[in-house]
Amino acid sequence: MKKNNLIRIGLPASIVFAVCCFTPALVWILAAAGLSSWAAGLDWVLLPLLAASLTMLLIGLYRQRRAAAK
């Protein structure tokens, strides 16, 4: 993997998952589409995805900082 790929993927993914988890935007969109029954299980999917994307971002930042220190 290239140097900044983890940061390029992790940052936008973290933002998207954070918006979906901590605001009712996704629930409103699903309700408008008539799929509000799916909203009950969203936390079981979105919170692990948020954790994974934040982990990718932190690993990428750590590697970038370590490479810059050399």
PDB file of N, CA and C in Angstrom:
ATOM      1  N   MET A   1       0.824  -1.173   0.000  1.00  0.00           N
ATOM      2  CA  MET A   1       0.000   0.000   0.000  1.00  0.00           C
ATOM      3  C   MET A   1       0.875   1.245   0.000  1.00  0.00           C
ATOM      4  N   LYS A   2       0.480   2.233  -0.730  1.00  0.00           N
ATOM      5  CA  LYS A   2       1.236   3.473  -0.754  1.00  0.00           C
ATOM      6  C   LYS A   2       1.134   4.189   0.582  1.00  0.00           C
ATOM      7  N   LYS A   3       1.999   5.169   0.771  1.00  0.00           N
ATOM      8  CA  LYS A   3       2.090   5.867   2.054  1.00  0.00           C
ATOM      9  C   LYS A   3       0.763   6.466   2.518  1.00  0.00           C
ATOM     10  N   ASN A   4       0.133   7.235   1.675  1.00  0.00           N
ATOM     11  CA  ASN A   4      -1.028   8.016   2.102  1.00  0.00           C
ATOM     12  C   ASN A   4      -2.362   7.339   1.818  1.00  0.00           C
ATOM     13  N   ASN A   5      -2.363   6.098   1.335  1.00  0.00           N
ATOM     14  CA  ASN A   5      -3.630   5.444   1.036  1.00  0.00           C
ATOM     15  C   ASN A   5      -4.484   5.256   2.281  1.00  0.00           C
ATOM     16  N   LEU A   6      -3.875   4.896   3.393  1.00  0.00           N
ATOM     17  CA  LEU A   6      -4.650   4.716   4.616  1.00  0.00           C
ATOM     18  C   LEU A   6      -5.293   6.029   5.052  1.00  0.00           C
ATOM     19  N   ILE A   7      -4.593   7.118   4.885  1.00  0.00           N
ATOM     20  CA  ILE A   7      -5.149   8.417   5.261  1.00  0.00           C
ATOM     21  C   ILE A   7      -6.230   8.832   4.271  1.00  0.00           C
ATOM     22  N   ARG A   8      -5.995   8.628   2.988  1.00  0.00           N
ATOM     23  CA  ARG A   8      -6.981   9.004   1.964  1.00  0.00           C
ATOM     24  C   ARG A   8      -8.269   8.204   2.083  1.00  0.00           C
ATOM     25  N   ILE A   9      -8.185   6.983   2.543  1.00  0.00           N
ATOM     26  CA  ILE A   9      -9.377   6.153   2.712  1.00  0.00           C
ATOM     27  C   ILE A   9      -9.978   6.354   4.098  1.00  0.00           C
ATOM     28  N   GLY A  10      -9.143   6.399   5.114  1.00  0.00           N
ATOM     29  CA  GLY A  10      -9.622   6.463   6.487  1.00  0.00           C
ATOM     30  C   GLY A  10     -10.325   7.752   6.856  1.00  0.00           C
ATOM     31  N   LEU A  11      -9.828   8.883   6.398  1.00  0.00           N
ATOM     32  CA  LEU A  11     -10.428  10.165   6.772  1.00  0.00           C
ATOM     33  C   LEU A  11     -11.838  10.334   6.210  1.00  0.00           C
ATOM     34  N   PRO A  12     -12.055  10.176   4.902  1.00  0.00           N
ATOM     35  CA  PRO A  12     -13.430  10.327   4.406  1.00  0.00           C
ATOM     36  C   PRO A  12     -14.382   9.274   4.967  1.00  0.00           C
ATOM     37  N   ALA A  13     -13.886   8.053   5.117  1.00  0.00           N
ATOM     38  CA  ALA A  13     -14.738   7.001   5.667  1.00  0.00           C
ATOM     39  C   ALA A  13     -15.128   7.318   7.102  1.00  0.00           C
ATOM     40  N   SER A  14     -14.197   7.829   7.889  1.00  0.00           N
ATOM     41  CA  SER A  14     -14.500   8.203   9.273  1.00  0.00           C
ATOM     42  C   SER A  14     -15.548   9.299   9.329  1.00  0.00           C
ATOM     43  N   ILE A  15     -15.424  10.265   8.467  1.00  0.00           N
ATOM     44  CA  ILE A  15     -16.395  11.359   8.439  1.00  0.00           C
ATOM     45  C   ILE A  15     -17.775  10.855   8.060  1.00  0.00           C
ATOM     46  N   VAL A  16     -17.844  10.024   7.031  1.00  0.00           N
ATOM     47  CA  VAL A  16     -19.139   9.498   6.578  1.00  0.00           C
ATOM     48  C   VAL A  16     -19.784   8.656   7.667  1.00  0.00           C
ATOM     49  N   PHE A  17     -19.032   7.749   8.273  1.00  0.00           N
ATOM     50  CA  PHE A  17     -19.606   6.891   9.294  1.00  0.00           C
ATOM     51  C   PHE A  17     -19.969   7.669  10.548  1.00  0.00           C
ATOM     52  N   ALA A  18     -19.191   8.699  10.881  1.00  0.00           N
ATOM     53  CA  ALA A  18     -19.526   9.520  12.043  1.00  0.00           C
ATOM     54  C   ALA A  18     -20.824  10.283  11.813  1.00  0.00           C
ATOM     55  N   VAL A  19     -21.004  10.815  10.616  1.00  0.00           N
ATOM     56  CA  VAL A  19     -22.243  11.521  10.298  1.00  0.00           C
ATOM     57  C   VAL A  19     -23.428  10.564  10.367  1.00  0.00           C
ATOM     58  N   CYS A  20     -23.245   9.360   9.863  1.00  0.00           N
ATOM     59  CA  CYS A  20     -24.335   8.380   9.878  1.00  0.00           C
ATOM     60  C   CYS A  20     -24.637   7.897  11.295  1.00  0.00           C
ATOM     61  N   CYS A  21     -23.633   7.778  12.122  1.00  0.00           N
ATOM     62  CA  CYS A  21     -23.839   7.251  13.479  1.00  0.00           C
ATOM     63  C   CYS A  21     -24.399   8.295  14.436  1.00  0.00           C
ATOM     64  N   PHE A  22     -23.900   9.502  14.358  1.00  0.00           N
ATOM     65  CA  PHE A  22     -24.203  10.480  15.393  1.00  0.00           C
ATOM     66  C   PHE A  22     -25.219  11.540  14.986  1.00  0.00           C
ATOM     67  N   THR A  23     -25.763  11.434  13.826  1.00  0.00           N
ATOM     68  CA  THR A  23     -26.847  12.322  13.413  1.00  0.00           C
ATOM     69  C   THR A  23     -27.951  11.470  12.826  1.00  0.00           C
ATOM     70  N   PRO A  24     -29.158  11.937  12.877  1.00  0.00           N
ATOM     71  CA  PRO A  24     -30.262  11.149  12.341  1.00  0.00           C
ATOM     72  C   PRO A  24     -30.414  11.250  10.818  1.00  0.00           C
ATOM     73  N   ALA A  25     -29.389  11.730  10.138  1.00  0.00           N
ATOM     74  CA  ALA A  25     -29.500  11.926   8.686  1.00  0.00           C
ATOM     75  C   ALA A  25     -29.809  10.625   7.958  1.00  0.00           C
ATOM     76  N   LEU A  26     -29.120   9.558   8.307  1.00  0.00           N
ATOM     77  CA  LEU A  26     -29.350   8.290   7.629  1.00  0.00           C
ATOM     78  C   LEU A  26     -30.741   7.749   7.930  1.00  0.00           C
ATOM     79  N   VAL A  27     -31.214   7.939   9.154  1.00  0.00           N
ATOM     80  CA  VAL A  27     -32.556   7.483   9.514  1.00  0.00           C
ATOM     81  C   VAL A  27     -33.597   8.252   8.724  1.00  0.00           C
ATOM     82  N   TRP A  28     -33.404   9.536   8.556  1.00  0.00           N
ATOM     83  CA  TRP A  28     -34.349  10.335   7.773  1.00  0.00           C
ATOM     84  C   TRP A  28     -34.368   9.897   6.317  1.00  0.00           C
ATOM     85  N   ILE A  29     -33.190   9.618   5.770  1.00  0.00           N
ATOM     86  CA  ILE A  29     -33.112   9.176   4.376  1.00  0.00           C
ATOM     87  C   ILE A  29     -33.810   7.835   4.210  1.00  0.00           C
ATOM     88  N   LEU A  30     -33.557   6.914   5.131  1.00  0.00           N
ATOM     89  CA  LEU A  30     -34.217   5.609   5.051  1.00  0.00           C
ATOM     90  C   LEU A  30     -35.723   5.728   5.232  1.00  0.00           C
ATOM     91  N   ALA A  31     -36.165   6.600   6.128  1.00  0.00           N
ATOM     92  CA  ALA A  31     -37.598   6.788   6.338  1.00  0.00           C
ATOM     93  C   ALA A  31     -38.253   7.383   5.097  1.00  0.00           C
ATOM     94  N   ALA A  32     -37.575   8.317   4.453  1.00  0.00           N
ATOM     95  CA  ALA A  32     -38.118   8.917   3.238  1.00  0.00           C
ATOM     96  C   ALA A  32     -38.225   7.897   2.105  1.00  0.00           C
ATOM     97  N   ALA A  33     -37.317   6.928   2.115  1.00  0.00           N
ATOM     98  CA  ALA A  33     -37.339   5.893   1.084  1.00  0.00           C
ATOM     99  C   ALA A  33     -38.255   4.728   1.449  1.00  0.00           C
ATOM    100  N   GLY A  34     -38.854   4.773   2.633  1.00  0.00           N
ATOM    101  CA  GLY A  34     -39.741   3.706   3.057  1.00  0.00           C
ATOM    102  C   GLY A  34     -38.999   2.499   3.607  1.00  0.00           C
ATOM    103  N   LEU A  35     -37.773   2.694   4.017  1.00  0.00           N
ATOM    104  CA  LEU A  35     -36.952   1.596   4.529  1.00  0.00           C
ATOM    105  C   LEU A  35     -36.583   1.795   5.995  1.00  0.00           C
ATOM    106  N   SER A  36     -37.469   2.418   6.756  1.00  0.00           N
ATOM    107  CA  SER A  36     -37.134   2.750   8.135  1.00  0.00           C
ATOM    108  C   SER A  36     -36.978   1.518   9.024  1.00  0.00           C
ATOM    109  N   SER A  37     -37.469   0.375   8.612  1.00  0.00           N
ATOM    110  CA  SER A  37     -37.290  -0.829   9.434  1.00  0.00           C
ATOM    111  C   SER A  37     -35.826  -1.252   9.477  1.00  0.00           C
ATOM    112  N   TRP A  38     -35.031  -0.844   8.517  1.00  0.00           N
ATOM    113  CA  TRP A  38     -33.602  -1.148   8.517  1.00  0.00           C
ATOM    114  C   TRP A  38     -32.841  -0.338   9.554  1.00  0.00           C
ATOM    115  N   ALA A  39     -33.404   0.760  10.002  1.00  0.00           N
ATOM    116  CA  ALA A  39     -32.706   1.653  10.924  1.00  0.00           C
ATOM    117  C   ALA A  39     -32.451   1.003  12.283  1.00  0.00           C
ATOM    118  N   ALA A  40     -33.218  -0.012  12.643  1.00  0.00           N
ATOM    119  CA  ALA A  40     -33.051  -0.649  13.950  1.00  0.00           C
ATOM    120  C   ALA A  40     -31.694  -1.338  14.076  1.00  0.00           C
ATOM    121  N   GLY A  41     -31.172  -1.884  13.004  1.00  0.00           N
ATOM    122  CA  GLY A  41     -29.912  -2.607  13.070  1.00  0.00           C
ATOM    123  C   GLY A  41     -28.706  -1.838  12.590  1.00  0.00           C
ATOM    124  N   LEU A  42     -28.841  -0.546  12.359  1.00  0.00           N
ATOM    125  CA  LEU A  42     -27.734   0.237  11.815  1.00  0.00           C
ATOM    126  C   LEU A  42     -26.541   0.341  12.760  1.00  0.00           C
ATOM    127  N   ASP A  43     -26.789   0.432  14.054  1.00  0.00           N
ATOM    128  CA  ASP A  43     -25.677   0.579  15.000  1.00  0.00           C
ATOM    129  C   ASP A  43     -24.755  -0.624  14.985  1.00  0.00           C
ATOM    130  N   TRP A  44     -25.298  -1.797  14.735  1.00  0.00           N
ATOM    131  CA  TRP A  44     -24.486  -3.015  14.706  1.00  0.00           C
ATOM    132  C   TRP A  44     -23.551  -3.031  13.508  1.00  0.00           C
ATOM    133  N   VAL A  45     -23.849  -2.245  12.490  1.00  0.00           N
ATOM    134  CA  VAL A  45     -23.013  -2.190  11.292  1.00  0.00           C
ATOM    135  C   VAL A  45     -22.145  -0.938  11.279  1.00  0.00           C
ATOM    136  N   LEU A  46     -22.735   0.201  11.579  1.00  0.00           N
ATOM    137  CA  LEU A  46     -22.027   1.475  11.428  1.00  0.00           C
ATOM    138  C   LEU A  46     -20.959   1.714  12.496  1.00  0.00           C
ATOM    139  N   LEU A  47     -21.208   1.315  13.720  1.00  0.00           N
ATOM    140  CA  LEU A  47     -20.209   1.556  14.764  1.00  0.00           C
ATOM    141  C   LEU A  47     -18.928   0.751  14.540  1.00  0.00           C
ATOM    142  N   PRO A  48     -18.980  -0.533  14.167  1.00  0.00           N
ATOM    143  CA  PRO A  48     -17.732  -1.228  13.835  1.00  0.00           C
ATOM    144  C   PRO A  48     -17.030  -0.645  12.609  1.00  0.00           C
ATOM    145  N   LEU A  49     -17.811  -0.196  11.618  1.00  0.00           N
ATOM    146  CA  LEU A  49     -17.193   0.436  10.446  1.00  0.00           C
ATOM    147  C   LEU A  49     -16.516   1.749  10.828  1.00  0.00           C
ATOM    148  N   LEU A  50     -17.116   2.497  11.731  1.00  0.00           N
ATOM    149  CA  LEU A  50     -16.497   3.725  12.222  1.00  0.00           C
ATOM    150  C   LEU A  50     -15.194   3.415  12.951  1.00  0.00           C
ATOM    151  N   ALA A  51     -15.220   2.396  13.791  1.00  0.00           N
ATOM    152  CA  ALA A  51     -14.007   2.008  14.513  1.00  0.00           C
ATOM    153  C   ALA A  51     -12.907   1.556  13.556  1.00  0.00           C
ATOM    154  N   ALA A  52     -13.268   0.799  12.536  1.00  0.00           N
ATOM    155  CA  ALA A  52     -12.279   0.326  11.565  1.00  0.00           C
ATOM    156  C   ALA A  52     -11.687   1.486  10.771  1.00  0.00           C
ATOM    157  N   SER A  53     -12.526   2.424  10.344  1.00  0.00           N
ATOM    158  CA  SER A  53     -12.015   3.545   9.556  1.00  0.00           C
ATOM    159  C   SER A  53     -11.151   4.473  10.405  1.00  0.00           C
ATOM    160  N   LEU A  54     -11.511   4.667  11.672  1.00  0.00           N
ATOM    161  CA  LEU A  54     -10.663   5.481  12.556  1.00  0.00           C
ATOM    162  C   LEU A  54      -9.329   4.796  12.817  1.00  0.00           C
ATOM    163  N   THR A  55      -9.346   3.470  12.940  1.00  0.00           N
ATOM    164  CA  THR A  55      -8.111   2.719  13.115  1.00  0.00           C
ATOM    165  C   THR A  55      -7.212   2.867  11.894  1.00  0.00           C
ATOM    166  N   MET A  56      -7.797   2.762  10.695  1.00  0.00           N
ATOM    167  CA  MET A  56      -7.011   2.956   9.466  1.00  0.00           C
ATOM    168  C   MET A  56      -6.398   4.347   9.431  1.00  0.00           C
ATOM    169  N   LEU A  57      -7.168   5.343   9.802  1.00  0.00           N
ATOM    170  CA  LEU A  57      -6.675   6.715   9.802  1.00  0.00           C
ATOM    171  C   LEU A  57      -5.528   6.889  10.794  1.00  0.00           C
ATOM    172  N   LEU A  58      -5.683   6.363  11.985  1.00  0.00           N
ATOM    173  CA  LEU A  58      -4.635   6.503  12.995  1.00  0.00           C
ATOM    174  C   LEU A  58      -3.362   5.761  12.605  1.00  0.00           C
ATOM    175  N   ILE A  59      -3.489   4.578  12.016  1.00  0.00           N
ATOM    176  CA  ILE A  59      -2.316   3.844  11.548  1.00  0.00           C
ATOM    177  C   ILE A  59      -1.609   4.619  10.443  1.00  0.00           C
ATOM    178  N   GLY A  60      -2.374   5.175   9.519  1.00  0.00           N
ATOM    179  CA  GLY A  60      -1.786   5.968   8.446  1.00  0.00           C
ATOM    180  C   GLY A  60      -1.055   7.193   8.961  1.00  0.00           C
ATOM    181  N   LEU A  61      -1.660   7.889   9.923  1.00  0.00           N
ATOM    182  CA  LEU A  61      -1.007   9.058  10.508  1.00  0.00           C
ATOM    183  C   LEU A  61       0.246   8.674  11.279  1.00  0.00           C
ATOM    184  N   TYR A  62       0.198   7.544  11.984  1.00  0.00           N
ATOM    185  CA  TYR A  62       1.368   7.069  12.723  1.00  0.00           C
ATOM    186  C   TYR A  62       2.509   6.733  11.770  1.00  0.00           C
ATOM    187  N   ARG A  63       2.201   6.029  10.694  1.00  0.00           N
ATOM    188  CA  ARG A  63       3.240   5.668   9.717  1.00  0.00           C
ATOM    189  C   ARG A  63       3.821   6.900   9.047  1.00  0.00           C
ATOM    190  N   GLN A  64       2.966   7.875   8.735  1.00  0.00           N
ATOM    191  CA  GLN A  64       3.447   9.101   8.100  1.00  0.00           C
ATOM    192  C   GLN A  64       4.357   9.874   9.043  1.00  0.00           C
ATOM    193  N   ARG A  65       3.984   9.942  10.303  1.00  0.00           N
ATOM    194  CA  ARG A  65       4.794  10.670  11.285  1.00  0.00           C
ATOM    195  C   ARG A  65       6.123   9.963  11.529  1.00  0.00           C
ATOM    196  N   ARG A  66       6.085   8.632  11.571  1.00  0.00           N
ATOM    197  CA  ARG A  66       7.313   7.860  11.783  1.00  0.00           C
ATOM    198  C   ARG A  66       8.256   7.995  10.588  1.00  0.00           C
ATOM    199  N   ALA A  67       7.696   8.021   9.362  1.00  0.00           N
ATOM    200  CA  ALA A  67       8.519   8.176   8.174  1.00  0.00           C
ATOM    201  C   ALA A  67       9.137   9.573   8.111  1.00  0.00           C
ATOM    202  N   ALA A  68       8.399  10.578   8.580  1.00  0.00           N
ATOM    203  CA  ALA A  68       8.906  11.949   8.565  1.00  0.00           C
ATOM    204  C   ALA A  68      10.014  12.142   9.604  1.00  0.00           C
ATOM    205  N   ALA A  69       9.981  11.348  10.653  1.00  0.00           N
ATOM    206  CA  ALA A  69      10.992  11.485  11.711  1.00  0.00           C
ATOM    207  C   ALA A  69      12.331  10.888  11.317  1.00  0.00           C
ATOM    208  N   LYS A  70      12.344  10.043  10.311  1.00  0.00           N
ATOM    209  CA  LYS A  70      13.603   9.399   9.895  1.00  0.00           C
ATOM    210  C   LYS A  70      14.479  10.320   9.114  1.00  0.00           C
TER     211      LYS A  70
END
